[in-house]
Protein backbone atom coordinates (compact mmCIF):
# COMPACT_ATOMS: atom_id res chain seq x y z
CA MET A 1 -0.14 -0.18 0.55
CA GLN A 2 1.24 3.17 -0.94
CA HIS A 3 -1.26 5.65 -0.27
CA ILE A 4 -4.29 6.47 2.11
CA VAL A 5 -6.82 9.16 2.05
CA VAL A 6 -8.50 10.02 5.11
CA ALA A 7 -11.78 11.35 4.70
CA ALA A 8 -12.71 13.80 7.80
CA LYS A 9 -15.73 14.85 8.53
CA ALA A 10 -16.50 18.94 8.32
CA GLY A 11 -17.72 19.89 12.45
CA ALA A 12 -16.49 16.41 13.82
CA ASP A 13 -13.37 15.58 16.01
CA GLN A 14 -12.52 12.15 14.84
CA PRO A 15 -9.49 11.24 17.24
CA TRP A 16 -10.36 7.56 16.54
CA LEU A 17 -10.51 7.85 12.68
CA ALA A 18 -6.93 9.69 12.79
CA ASP A 19 -5.40 6.74 15.27
CA ALA A 20 -6.70 4.29 12.54
CA ALA A 21 -4.71 6.26 9.82
CA VAL A 22 -1.59 6.64 12.16
CA GLN A 23 -1.75 2.55 12.79
CA LEU A 24 -2.26 1.81 9.26
CA ALA A 25 0.42 4.36 8.09
CA GLU A 26 3.01 2.77 10.10
CA ASP A 27 2.15 -0.96 9.59
CA THR A 28 2.23 -0.23 5.68
CA GLY A 29 4.62 2.84 5.31
CA ALA A 30 1.81 4.38 2.87
CA ALA A 31 1.45 8.36 2.36
CA VAL A 32 -1.41 9.82 3.84
CA SER A 33 -3.79 12.58 2.56
CA VAL A 34 -6.67 13.77 4.62
CA VAL A 35 -9.63 15.62 2.67
CA SER A 36 -12.52 17.04 4.18
CA VAL A 37 -15.55 18.01 1.78
CA ASP A 38 -18.08 20.98 2.78
CA GLY A 39 -21.35 19.06 1.21
CA ILE A 40 -22.03 22.35 -0.31
CA ASP A 41 -23.37 21.74 -3.89
CA VAL A 42 -24.91 25.34 -4.55
CA GLU A 43 -23.85 28.21 -2.00
CA ALA A 44 -26.79 30.26 -3.09
CA LEU A 45 -28.65 27.37 -1.74
CA SER A 46 -26.80 26.61 1.42
CA PRO A 47 -28.61 27.75 4.96
CA ILE A 48 -24.88 28.40 6.06
CA PRO A 49 -22.07 30.37 4.44
CA ARG A 50 -19.76 27.95 2.28
CA SER A 51 -16.91 30.04 4.67
CA GLU A 52 -18.05 28.65 7.89
CA VAL A 53 -18.77 25.20 6.63
CA GLN A 54 -15.43 25.19 5.24
CA ALA A 55 -14.01 26.31 8.45
CA GLU A 56 -15.30 23.54 10.02
CA ALA A 57 -13.70 21.43 7.45
CA GLN A 58 -10.69 22.63 7.65
CA GLN A 59 -10.66 22.07 11.43
CA ALA A 60 -11.41 18.76 10.85
CA VAL A 61 -8.61 18.23 8.14
CA ASP A 62 -6.35 20.07 11.08
CA GLY A 63 -6.99 17.64 13.85
CA VAL A 64 -6.22 14.64 11.78
CA LEU A 65 -3.17 16.05 10.53
CA ALA A 66 -2.15 16.71 13.92
CA ARG A 67 -2.49 13.63 15.30
CA LEU A 68 -0.89 12.00 12.23
CA ARG A 69 2.22 14.31 12.45
CA GLU A 70 2.42 13.66 16.40
CA ALA A 71 2.98 10.26 15.62
CA GLY A 72 5.66 10.91 12.72
CA VAL A 73 3.50 10.40 9.74
CA GLN A 74 4.17 12.51 6.94
CA ALA A 75 0.77 13.95 5.65
CA GLU A 76 -1.08 16.35 3.88
CA GLY A 77 -4.35 17.64 3.91
CA GLU A 78 -7.12 19.67 1.89
CA VAL A 79 -10.59 21.12 2.16
CA ARG A 80 -12.62 21.16 -0.98
CA PRO A 81 -16.02 22.43 -2.30
CA GLY A 82 -18.95 20.36 -3.35
CA THR A 83 -20.92 17.13 -2.83
CA VAL A 84 -19.48 15.02 0.20
CA THR A 85 -19.00 11.75 -1.33
CA THR A 86 -18.20 13.05 -5.00
CA GLY A 87 -15.45 14.84 -3.61
CA ILE A 88 -13.83 12.23 -1.59
CA LEU A 89 -13.79 10.26 -4.85
CA LEU A 90 -12.35 12.65 -6.76
CA TYR A 91 -9.49 13.22 -4.33
CA ALA A 92 -9.34 9.68 -3.75
CA GLU A 93 -8.64 9.23 -7.80
CA GLU A 94 -6.45 12.41 -8.00
CA LYS A 95 -4.09 10.64 -5.05
CA ASP A 96 -4.11 7.33 -6.65
CA ALA A 97 -5.05 6.28 -3.21
CA ASP A 98 -4.86 2.44 -2.18
CA LEU A 99 -7.27 2.88 0.53
CA ILE A 100 -10.08 5.15 1.46
CA VAL A 101 -10.56 5.56 5.40
CA CYS A 102 -13.63 7.27 6.56
CA GLY A 103 -15.45 7.24 10.01
CA ALA A 104 -18.71 5.97 10.86
CA SER A 105 -21.64 8.02 12.12
CA THR A 106 -24.85 6.79 13.66
CA LYS A 107 -27.42 8.70 11.49
CA GLY A 108 -30.15 7.39 9.49
CA LYS A 109 -31.96 3.99 9.21
CA VAL A 110 -30.85 0.45 8.99
CA ALA A 111 -27.35 0.48 7.53
CA ARG A 112 -26.97 4.28 7.69
CA ARG A 113 -27.85 4.03 11.18
CA VAL A 114 -24.83 1.61 11.69
CA LEU A 115 -22.13 3.47 9.29
CA GLY A 116 -23.69 6.83 7.88
CA SER A 117 -24.94 7.72 4.50
CA VAL A 118 -21.46 8.75 3.35
CA PRO A 119 -19.65 5.75 4.17
CA VAL A 120 -22.33 3.80 2.69
CA GLU A 121 -22.13 5.86 -0.61
CA LEU A 122 -18.37 5.56 -1.04
CA ILE A 123 -18.68 1.64 -0.33
CA ARG A 124 -21.40 1.47 -2.94
CA ARG A 125 -19.54 3.90 -5.76
CA ALA A 126 -15.59 4.00 -4.84
CA ARG A 127 -13.40 1.77 -7.34
CA ARG A 128 -11.36 1.50 -4.65
CA PRO A 129 -11.05 -0.14 -0.93
CA VAL A 130 -13.21 1.62 1.48
CA LEU A 131 -12.51 1.01 5.06
CA VAL A 132 -15.06 2.39 7.89
CA ILE A 133 -13.87 2.96 11.23
CA THR A 134 -15.94 2.72 13.92
CA PRO A 135 -15.09 5.06 17.23
CA SER A 136 -14.01 2.87 20.01
CA HIS A 137 -16.32 3.30 23.13
């Protein structure tokens, strides 16, 4: 494995996701790129200004990057505009990622209750492996 893309959720603190990425990078020697996508398709239709959502996305990226770098893992990060799943998939394609790592959420029904809508969509649409990490309790 040469490259891992970590999908950080805007507005979420996911130290368990970062810790899993650290372990994967240490075990495989892979480079790590972190992305957070703001989820705003058309800014004029958004109830929240894009700048606010992007600030939350940047905090998510910075949080994951800090944990990676504290562990000695070289990593880069970026915030992208647009639809979350599509943005993550495009970023993974650009980085030629061997693996996409994302965190599970607890919103939605049945599978979405277990994984969250973004992880389910990533699994359905990705042309590369997706690893969904659940928080440890």
